[in-house]
Amino acid sequence: MDTSQITGLILAGGRGTRMGTVDKGLQLFRDAPMALHVLMRLSPQVGYIMINANQNMGPYEGCGGRVWQDEMQGFGG
């Protein structure tokens, strides 16, 4: 399969209530945000990456990939 035709999606849109309402995707692991670790692992397997996030848009944009918010506001799940 031609990987350039595959779009990867990183889901980072939750509230993180089970972790004390921290943004899980931005929590550091080995000195880098978790979302960046996922992006680096996914990148060789896809042609395009999107990140779904509902808060802290700037830091997610800094990880690379295009950031999309949910159409429905309020963390509907």
N, C-alpha and C. Protein backbone atom coordinates (compact mmCIF):
# COMPACT_ATOMS: atom_id res chain seq x y z
N MET A 1 0.85 -1.18 0.00
CA MET A 1 0.00 0.00 0.00
C MET A 1 0.89 1.24 0.00
N ASP A 2 0.51 2.23 -0.76
CA ASP A 2 1.23 3.50 -0.84
C ASP A 2 0.92 4.32 0.41
N THR A 3 1.90 4.43 1.31
CA THR A 3 1.65 5.13 2.57
C THR A 3 1.37 6.61 2.39
N SER A 4 1.76 7.19 1.26
CA SER A 4 1.47 8.61 1.04
C SER A 4 -0.03 8.86 0.90
N GLN A 5 -0.80 7.81 0.68
CA GLN A 5 -2.25 7.93 0.55
C GLN A 5 -2.99 7.71 1.87
N ILE A 6 -2.22 7.54 2.95
CA ILE A 6 -2.82 7.27 4.26
C ILE A 6 -2.72 8.52 5.13
N THR A 7 -3.82 8.85 5.80
CA THR A 7 -3.84 9.96 6.76
C THR A 7 -3.86 9.38 8.17
N GLY A 8 -2.96 9.86 9.01
CA GLY A 8 -2.94 9.45 10.42
C GLY A 8 -3.64 10.50 11.26
N LEU A 9 -4.31 10.06 12.31
CA LEU A 9 -5.03 10.97 13.20
C LEU A 9 -4.63 10.69 14.63
N ILE A 10 -4.15 11.71 15.31
CA ILE A 10 -3.83 11.62 16.72
C ILE A 10 -4.97 12.24 17.50
N LEU A 11 -5.63 11.45 18.33
CA LEU A 11 -6.75 11.94 19.12
C LEU A 11 -6.23 12.47 20.45
N ALA A 12 -6.33 13.78 20.62
CA ALA A 12 -5.84 14.42 21.84
C ALA A 12 -6.89 15.39 22.38
N GLY A 13 -8.16 15.06 22.19
CA GLY A 13 -9.22 16.02 22.49
C GLY A 13 -9.90 15.87 23.82
N GLY A 14 -9.44 14.98 24.69
CA GLY A 14 -10.16 14.74 25.93
C GLY A 14 -9.84 15.74 27.04
N ARG A 15 -10.58 15.65 28.11
CA ARG A 15 -10.40 16.52 29.26
C ARG A 15 -9.33 16.03 30.22
N GLY A 16 -9.01 14.77 30.21
CA GLY A 16 -7.99 14.24 31.10
C GLY A 16 -8.44 14.17 32.55
N THR A 17 -9.72 13.93 32.78
CA THR A 17 -10.24 13.94 34.15
C THR A 17 -9.62 12.86 35.02
N ARG A 18 -9.28 11.72 34.44
CA ARG A 18 -8.68 10.64 35.25
C ARG A 18 -7.24 10.96 35.64
N MET A 19 -6.68 12.01 35.04
CA MET A 19 -5.31 12.42 35.38
C MET A 19 -5.31 13.79 36.04
N GLY A 20 -6.42 14.17 36.65
CA GLY A 20 -6.49 15.46 37.34
C GLY A 20 -6.70 16.63 36.39
N THR A 21 -7.35 16.40 35.28
CA THR A 21 -7.68 17.38 34.23
C THR A 21 -6.45 17.99 33.56
N VAL A 22 -5.37 17.25 33.46
CA VAL A 22 -4.22 17.72 32.69
C VAL A 22 -4.40 17.30 31.24
N ASP A 23 -3.79 18.01 30.34
CA ASP A 23 -3.84 17.68 28.93
C ASP A 23 -2.84 16.54 28.68
N LYS A 24 -3.35 15.33 28.54
CA LYS A 24 -2.49 14.14 28.45
C LYS A 24 -1.49 14.23 27.31
N GLY A 25 -1.91 14.73 26.18
CA GLY A 25 -1.03 14.79 25.02
C GLY A 25 0.17 15.71 25.20
N LEU A 26 0.07 16.63 26.14
CA LEU A 26 1.17 17.57 26.37
C LEU A 26 2.02 17.20 27.58
N GLN A 27 1.66 16.10 28.26
CA GLN A 27 2.47 15.66 29.38
C GLN A 27 3.81 15.14 28.87
N LEU A 28 4.85 15.49 29.57
CA LEU A 28 6.19 15.11 29.12
C LEU A 28 6.50 13.65 29.44
N PHE A 29 7.11 13.00 28.48
CA PHE A 29 7.64 11.65 28.63
C PHE A 29 8.99 11.66 27.95
N ARG A 30 10.02 11.37 28.69
CA ARG A 30 11.39 11.43 28.15
C ARG A 30 11.66 12.78 27.49
N ASP A 31 11.29 13.84 28.20
CA ASP A 31 11.57 15.23 27.83
C ASP A 31 10.84 15.74 26.59
N ALA A 32 9.77 15.07 26.18
CA ALA A 32 8.98 15.55 25.03
C ALA A 32 7.51 15.25 25.29
N PRO A 33 6.60 16.07 24.75
CA PRO A 33 5.17 15.82 24.91
C PRO A 33 4.77 14.47 24.32
N MET A 34 3.82 13.80 24.95
CA MET A 34 3.35 12.51 24.45
C MET A 34 2.87 12.59 23.00
N ALA A 35 2.18 13.67 22.65
CA ALA A 35 1.69 13.81 21.28
C ALA A 35 2.84 13.82 20.28
N LEU A 36 3.96 14.40 20.65
CA LEU A 36 5.12 14.43 19.76
C LEU A 36 5.71 13.03 19.59
N HIS A 37 5.74 12.24 20.66
CA HIS A 37 6.20 10.85 20.55
C HIS A 37 5.32 10.07 19.56
N VAL A 38 4.01 10.25 19.69
CA VAL A 38 3.08 9.55 18.80
C VAL A 38 3.30 10.01 17.36
N LEU A 39 3.44 11.31 17.17
CA LEU A 39 3.64 11.85 15.83
C LEU A 39 4.92 11.30 15.20
N MET A 40 5.98 11.21 15.96
CA MET A 40 7.25 10.70 15.42
C MET A 40 7.13 9.22 15.05
N ARG A 41 6.39 8.43 15.83
CA ARG A 41 6.21 7.01 15.51
C ARG A 41 5.29 6.80 14.33
N LEU A 42 4.29 7.66 14.19
CA LEU A 42 3.29 7.52 13.13
C LEU A 42 3.79 8.06 11.79
N SER A 43 4.62 9.08 11.81
CA SER A 43 5.05 9.77 10.59
C SER A 43 5.58 8.86 9.48
N PRO A 44 6.44 7.88 9.77
CA PRO A 44 6.95 7.05 8.69
C PRO A 44 5.90 6.14 8.06
N GLN A 45 4.74 6.01 8.70
CA GLN A 45 3.73 5.08 8.24
C GLN A 45 2.61 5.74 7.44
N VAL A 46 2.59 7.07 7.41
CA VAL A 46 1.49 7.79 6.75
C VAL A 46 2.03 8.95 5.92
N GLY A 47 1.19 9.48 5.06
CA GLY A 47 1.59 10.61 4.24
C GLY A 47 1.20 11.95 4.83
N TYR A 48 0.24 11.95 5.72
CA TYR A 48 -0.29 13.18 6.28
C TYR A 48 -0.77 12.89 7.70
N ILE A 49 -0.56 13.83 8.62
CA ILE A 49 -0.99 13.64 10.00
C ILE A 49 -1.86 14.80 10.45
N MET A 50 -2.96 14.46 11.09
CA MET A 50 -3.84 15.45 11.71
C MET A 50 -3.87 15.18 13.20
N ILE A 51 -4.04 16.23 13.98
CA ILE A 51 -4.17 16.12 15.43
C ILE A 51 -5.54 16.68 15.81
N ASN A 52 -6.32 15.90 16.54
CA ASN A 52 -7.61 16.37 17.05
C ASN A 52 -7.41 16.80 18.49
N ALA A 53 -7.57 18.09 18.76
CA ALA A 53 -7.41 18.63 20.12
C ALA A 53 -8.45 19.72 20.34
N ASN A 54 -8.87 19.88 21.58
CA ASN A 54 -9.90 20.87 21.90
C ASN A 54 -9.41 21.96 22.84
N GLN A 55 -8.15 21.93 23.19
CA GLN A 55 -7.56 22.96 24.04
C GLN A 55 -6.07 23.00 23.74
N ASN A 56 -5.42 24.06 24.16
CA ASN A 56 -3.97 24.20 23.97
C ASN A 56 -3.54 24.00 22.52
N MET A 57 -4.25 24.66 21.63
CA MET A 57 -4.02 24.47 20.20
C MET A 57 -2.58 24.81 19.79
N GLY A 58 -2.04 25.90 20.31
CA GLY A 58 -0.69 26.32 19.95
C GLY A 58 0.36 25.27 20.21
N PRO A 59 0.42 24.70 21.42
CA PRO A 59 1.40 23.65 21.67
C PRO A 59 1.24 22.43 20.76
N TYR A 60 0.00 22.07 20.44
CA TYR A 60 -0.20 20.94 19.51
C TYR A 60 0.27 21.29 18.11
N GLU A 61 0.01 22.52 17.68
CA GLU A 61 0.50 22.94 16.37
C GLU A 61 2.02 22.89 16.33
N GLY A 62 2.67 23.15 17.46
CA GLY A 62 4.12 23.09 17.54
C GLY A 62 4.68 21.69 17.38
N CYS A 63 3.84 20.67 17.60
CA CYS A 63 4.29 19.28 17.43
C CYS A 63 4.39 18.91 15.95
N GLY A 64 3.67 19.63 15.11
CA GLY A 64 3.64 19.31 13.68
C GLY A 64 2.29 18.71 13.34
N GLY A 65 1.97 18.69 12.10
CA GLY A 65 0.66 18.21 11.68
C GLY A 65 -0.37 19.30 11.84
N ARG A 66 -1.48 19.13 11.19
CA ARG A 66 -2.57 20.12 11.27
C ARG A 66 -3.47 19.77 12.44
N VAL A 67 -3.92 20.79 13.17
CA VAL A 67 -4.74 20.57 14.37
C VAL A 67 -6.20 20.91 14.05
N TRP A 68 -7.09 20.00 14.42
CA TRP A 68 -8.52 20.16 14.21
C TRP A 68 -9.24 20.06 15.53
N GLN A 69 -10.23 20.92 15.75
CA GLN A 69 -11.10 20.83 16.92
C GLN A 69 -12.33 20.04 16.57
N ASP A 70 -12.99 19.48 17.61
CA ASP A 70 -14.27 18.82 17.40
C ASP A 70 -15.29 19.86 16.96
N GLU A 71 -16.22 19.46 16.10
CA GLU A 71 -17.29 20.38 15.70
C GLU A 71 -18.22 20.66 16.87
N MET A 72 -18.47 19.67 17.68
CA MET A 72 -19.34 19.84 18.85
C MET A 72 -18.46 20.27 20.02
N GLN A 73 -18.78 21.38 20.62
CA GLN A 73 -18.03 21.88 21.76
C GLN A 73 -18.47 21.18 23.04
N GLY A 74 -17.65 21.26 24.08
CA GLY A 74 -18.05 20.74 25.38
C GLY A 74 -17.52 19.36 25.70
N PHE A 75 -16.56 18.87 24.97
CA PHE A 75 -15.95 17.57 25.27
C PHE A 75 -17.00 16.47 25.33
N GLY A 76 -17.80 16.35 24.29
CA GLY A 76 -18.88 15.38 24.24
C GLY A 76 -18.42 13.92 24.26
N GLY A 77 -17.18 13.66 23.92
CA GLY A 77 -16.67 12.29 23.93
C GLY A 77 -17.05 11.51 22.71
